[in-house]
Amino acid sequence: MEKKRENELQSREEAAQIMDMVGIHAAEYMKAMAYYRCAIMEIETKFNVLNTEFSLQYDRNPISSIKSRLKSPLSIKGKLERKGLDVTLENVEENLNDVAGVRVICSFPEDVFALAEAFLKQDDITLVEMKDYIHQPKANGYRSLHMIVQVPIFLSHEKRLMKVEIQLRTIAMDFWASLEHQLRYKKDHDFTEEMMRELYDCATQSAQLDARMDALRRHVEG
């Protein structure tokens, strides 16, 4: 527990130093990040409720796990600069959709779309953008369903609309994506064409495994 507190303190100090370097007051930055954390909590709660409802209806939990993250100050700074924008909180809120991220790991491909549909039916959720990399995978084989949504957070004196990136994927998709990231971005190592082909083949096999497991699920459930 002490180690966790120490890491959180170091992260806050790092954020304050970076924001001060680019002219953003550290206290204002931390306040903005607190709003994003609140938005993450709202999204996580909604999916946990759906998971409970689906478990009662289908006698199994469609969600294996839920992960969340806030973009680091360095990542925020770098992304704004790549867009040719000044590093300001206004530009963060208006031009970055993925400062807050929630990843929902599902058991089967069908669960991904069933959960997404149920989630988007909620009247306080506004869909900003959706990219279906499951039916149309990326060139490297990456598969996932991406959504940018707006969710309200209710503060003591106001309501704020916050943007959150949501990724829904199966256990197999997440396994592949996690290892692909580790391999592709390993320091001091060139990533060859042969390696890319091998990763794509692994992604294809992962998709086939998902399809076979989904078929078994339908057979079991009758």
Protein backbone atom coordinates (compact mmCIF):
# COMPACT_ATOMS: atom_id res chain seq x y z
CA MET A 1 0.00 0.00 0.00
CA GLU A 2 2.85 2.40 0.86
CA LYS A 3 4.49 1.63 -2.50
CA LYS A 4 1.23 2.46 -4.29
CA ARG A 5 0.95 5.80 -2.48
CA GLU A 6 4.59 6.56 -3.34
CA ASN A 7 3.99 5.81 -7.03
CA GLU A 8 0.85 8.00 -7.07
CA LEU A 9 2.81 10.86 -5.47
CA GLN A 10 5.61 10.52 -8.04
CA SER A 11 3.06 10.53 -10.88
CA ARG A 12 1.46 13.70 -9.55
CA GLU A 13 4.83 15.42 -9.16
CA GLU A 14 5.80 14.39 -12.70
CA ALA A 15 2.51 15.73 -14.05
CA ALA A 16 2.98 19.02 -12.19
CA GLN A 17 6.50 19.45 -13.55
CA ILE A 18 5.46 18.75 -17.15
CA MET A 19 2.43 21.02 -16.99
CA ASP A 20 4.45 23.84 -15.45
CA MET A 21 6.96 23.52 -18.30
CA VAL A 22 4.27 24.17 -20.89
CA GLY A 23 2.49 26.89 -18.96
CA ILE A 24 -0.47 24.94 -17.56
CA HIS A 25 -1.06 25.45 -13.87
CA ALA A 26 -0.55 22.10 -12.16
CA ALA A 27 -3.61 22.49 -9.92
CA GLU A 28 -5.87 23.10 -12.92
CA TYR A 29 -4.40 20.08 -14.69
CA MET A 30 -5.00 17.82 -11.68
CA LYS A 31 -8.57 19.13 -11.42
CA ALA A 32 -9.22 18.30 -15.08
CA MET A 33 -7.78 14.80 -14.62
CA ALA A 34 -10.06 14.31 -11.60
CA TYR A 35 -13.04 14.99 -13.88
CA TYR A 36 -11.78 12.36 -16.32
CA ARG A 37 -11.42 9.88 -13.44
CA CYS A 38 -15.03 10.55 -12.48
CA ALA A 39 -16.08 9.83 -16.08
CA ILE A 40 -14.17 6.56 -15.98
CA MET A 41 -15.99 5.58 -12.79
CA GLU A 42 -19.35 6.33 -14.43
CA ILE A 43 -18.50 4.11 -17.41
CA GLU A 44 -17.18 1.28 -15.24
CA THR A 45 -20.32 1.36 -13.11
CA LYS A 46 -22.56 1.16 -16.16
CA PHE A 47 -20.73 -1.90 -17.49
CA ASN A 48 -20.70 -3.58 -14.07
CA VAL A 49 -24.48 -3.12 -13.88
CA LEU A 50 -24.90 -4.58 -17.37
CA ASN A 51 -22.66 -7.49 -16.42
CA THR A 52 -24.88 -8.25 -13.42
CA GLU A 53 -28.06 -8.01 -15.50
CA PHE A 54 -26.67 -10.26 -18.25
CA SER A 55 -25.50 -12.82 -15.68
CA LEU A 56 -29.05 -13.06 -14.31
CA GLN A 57 -30.52 -13.34 -17.80
CA TYR A 58 -28.02 -15.77 -19.33
CA ASP A 59 -26.58 -17.45 -16.22
CA ARG A 60 -23.01 -16.33 -17.04
CA ASN A 61 -20.94 -13.17 -16.89
CA PRO A 62 -20.17 -11.69 -20.32
CA ILE A 63 -17.42 -9.45 -18.91
CA SER A 64 -14.15 -11.05 -17.91
CA SER A 65 -12.51 -7.85 -16.64
CA ILE A 66 -12.57 -4.07 -16.92
CA LYS A 67 -9.41 -1.99 -17.14
CA SER A 68 -9.03 1.78 -17.18
CA ARG A 69 -6.31 4.38 -17.64
CA LEU A 70 -5.62 8.08 -17.95
CA LYS A 71 -3.21 9.30 -20.61
CA SER A 72 0.07 10.40 -19.10
CA PRO A 73 1.07 14.09 -19.23
CA LEU A 74 3.85 13.28 -21.70
CA SER A 75 1.44 11.41 -23.99
CA ILE A 76 -1.04 14.29 -23.86
CA LYS A 77 1.67 16.81 -24.65
CA GLY A 78 3.05 14.69 -27.50
CA LYS A 79 -0.33 14.08 -29.11
CA LEU A 80 -1.27 17.76 -29.07
CA GLU A 81 2.08 18.70 -30.59
CA ARG A 82 1.66 16.09 -33.35
CA LYS A 83 -1.68 17.71 -34.14
CA GLY A 84 0.05 21.09 -34.35
CA LEU A 85 -1.84 22.41 -31.31
CA ASP A 86 -0.68 24.37 -28.29
CA VAL A 87 -0.58 22.45 -25.04
CA THR A 88 -3.57 23.92 -23.23
CA LEU A 89 -6.39 22.39 -21.20
CA GLU A 90 -8.87 23.79 -23.71
CA ASN A 91 -7.14 21.89 -26.52
CA VAL A 92 -7.02 18.75 -24.38
CA GLU A 93 -10.78 18.84 -23.82
CA GLU A 94 -11.72 19.88 -27.35
CA ASN A 95 -9.26 17.87 -29.47
CA LEU A 96 -8.32 14.72 -27.56
CA ASN A 97 -10.92 11.98 -27.27
CA ASP A 98 -8.82 9.36 -25.49
CA VAL A 99 -7.50 11.07 -22.36
CA ALA A 100 -9.73 8.72 -20.38
CA GLY A 101 -9.88 5.11 -21.52
CA VAL A 102 -11.88 2.06 -20.44
CA ARG A 103 -11.22 -1.41 -21.81
CA VAL A 104 -13.91 -4.06 -21.40
CA ILE A 105 -12.68 -7.64 -21.86
CA CYS A 106 -15.50 -9.98 -22.87
CA SER A 107 -15.76 -13.74 -23.00
CA PHE A 108 -17.12 -14.09 -26.55
CA PRO A 109 -17.41 -11.90 -29.68
CA GLU A 110 -21.20 -11.86 -29.42
CA ASP A 111 -20.88 -10.38 -25.93
CA VAL A 112 -18.92 -7.42 -27.32
CA PHE A 113 -21.76 -6.30 -29.57
CA ALA A 114 -24.55 -7.16 -27.11
CA LEU A 115 -22.90 -5.06 -24.40
CA ALA A 116 -22.15 -2.20 -26.78
CA GLU A 117 -25.76 -2.13 -27.96
CA ALA A 118 -27.16 -2.16 -24.42
CA PHE A 119 -24.69 0.49 -23.28
CA LEU A 120 -25.49 2.88 -26.14
CA LYS A 121 -29.23 2.62 -25.45
CA GLN A 122 -28.75 4.44 -22.15
CA ASP A 123 -30.17 7.92 -22.53
CA ASP A 124 -27.28 9.75 -20.85
CA ILE A 125 -24.69 8.29 -23.23
CA THR A 126 -23.89 10.09 -26.49
CA LEU A 127 -21.94 8.22 -29.14
CA VAL A 128 -19.33 10.47 -30.74
CA GLU A 129 -17.55 7.91 -32.91
CA MET A 130 -17.39 4.15 -33.43
CA LYS A 131 -14.76 2.06 -35.22
CA ASP A 132 -15.40 -1.66 -35.69
CA TYR A 133 -12.01 -3.33 -35.97
CA ILE A 134 -13.60 -6.74 -35.37
CA HIS A 135 -15.49 -6.98 -38.64
CA GLN A 136 -12.82 -4.84 -40.34
CA PRO A 137 -9.48 -5.60 -38.60
CA LYS A 138 -6.50 -3.30 -38.94
CA ALA A 139 -3.81 -4.25 -41.45
CA ASN A 140 -1.67 -5.82 -38.72
CA GLY A 141 -4.55 -8.06 -37.57
CA TYR A 142 -5.64 -5.96 -34.59
CA ARG A 143 -9.29 -6.49 -33.60
CA SER A 144 -11.42 -4.54 -31.18
CA LEU A 145 -14.55 -2.39 -31.07
CA HIS A 146 -13.71 1.25 -30.33
CA MET A 147 -16.22 3.87 -29.20
CA ILE A 148 -15.81 7.49 -28.20
CA VAL A 149 -18.70 8.52 -25.97
CA GLN A 150 -19.76 11.51 -23.91
CA VAL A 151 -20.97 10.82 -20.39
CA PRO A 152 -22.21 13.36 -17.82
CA ILE A 153 -20.58 13.66 -14.42
CA PHE A 154 -22.51 15.40 -11.67
CA LEU A 155 -20.47 17.70 -9.45
CA SER A 156 -21.66 19.70 -6.45
CA HIS A 157 -22.61 22.75 -8.52
CA GLU A 158 -22.59 21.64 -12.13
CA LYS A 159 -22.91 18.86 -14.67
CA ARG A 160 -20.01 18.30 -17.08
CA LEU A 161 -19.94 16.24 -20.26
CA MET A 162 -16.74 14.22 -20.51
CA LYS A 163 -15.38 12.19 -23.41
CA VAL A 164 -14.14 8.64 -22.83
CA GLU A 165 -12.66 6.10 -25.23
CA ILE A 166 -14.09 2.60 -24.75
CA GLN A 167 -12.51 -0.52 -26.21
CA LEU A 168 -14.47 -3.76 -26.16
CA ARG A 169 -12.68 -6.98 -27.10
CA THR A 170 -12.57 -10.66 -26.26
CA ILE A 171 -9.99 -12.37 -24.07
CA ALA A 172 -8.29 -13.70 -27.21
CA MET A 173 -8.19 -10.25 -28.84
CA ASP A 174 -6.73 -8.72 -25.69
CA PHE A 175 -4.13 -11.47 -25.35
CA TRP A 176 -2.93 -10.86 -28.91
CA ALA A 177 -2.96 -7.06 -28.63
CA SER A 178 -1.04 -7.04 -25.35
CA LEU A 179 1.71 -9.30 -26.64
CA GLU A 180 1.83 -7.54 -30.02
CA HIS A 181 2.49 -4.24 -28.25
CA GLN A 182 5.28 -5.74 -26.15
CA LEU A 183 6.96 -7.30 -29.17
CA ARG A 184 6.56 -4.42 -31.61
CA TYR A 185 7.82 -1.74 -29.27
CA LYS A 186 10.68 -3.65 -27.65
CA LYS A 187 13.64 -1.33 -27.36
CA ASP A 188 16.78 -1.79 -29.49
CA HIS A 189 15.16 -4.32 -31.81
CA ASP A 190 14.09 -3.94 -35.42
CA PHE A 191 10.66 -5.31 -36.30
CA THR A 192 10.98 -7.16 -39.60
CA GLU A 193 8.43 -7.92 -42.32
CA GLU A 194 8.64 -11.59 -41.40
CA MET A 195 7.76 -10.78 -37.80
CA MET A 196 4.77 -8.72 -38.95
CA ARG A 197 3.54 -11.62 -41.08
CA GLU A 198 3.91 -13.97 -38.12
CA LEU A 199 1.93 -11.62 -35.88
CA TYR A 200 -0.80 -11.32 -38.50
CA ASP A 201 -0.99 -15.11 -38.71
CA CYS A 202 -1.31 -15.27 -34.91
CA ALA A 203 -4.16 -12.73 -35.11
CA THR A 204 -5.91 -14.90 -37.71
CA GLN A 205 -5.58 -17.96 -35.49
CA SER A 206 -6.87 -15.94 -32.54
CA ALA A 207 -9.96 -14.96 -34.56
CA GLN A 208 -10.51 -18.60 -35.50
CA LEU A 209 -10.27 -19.58 -31.83
CA ASP A 210 -12.89 -16.97 -30.94
CA ALA A 211 -15.21 -18.35 -33.63
CA ARG A 212 -14.77 -21.93 -32.42
CA MET A 213 -15.37 -20.99 -28.78
CA ASP A 214 -18.44 -18.98 -29.79
CA ALA A 215 -19.79 -22.01 -31.66
CA LEU A 216 -19.23 -24.17 -28.57
CA ARG A 217 -21.04 -21.60 -26.43
CA ARG A 218 -24.09 -21.64 -28.73
CA HIS A 219 -24.10 -25.46 -28.64
CA VAL A 220 -23.92 -25.53 -24.83
CA GLU A 221 -26.62 -22.89 -24.43
CA GLY A 222 -28.81 -24.73 -26.94
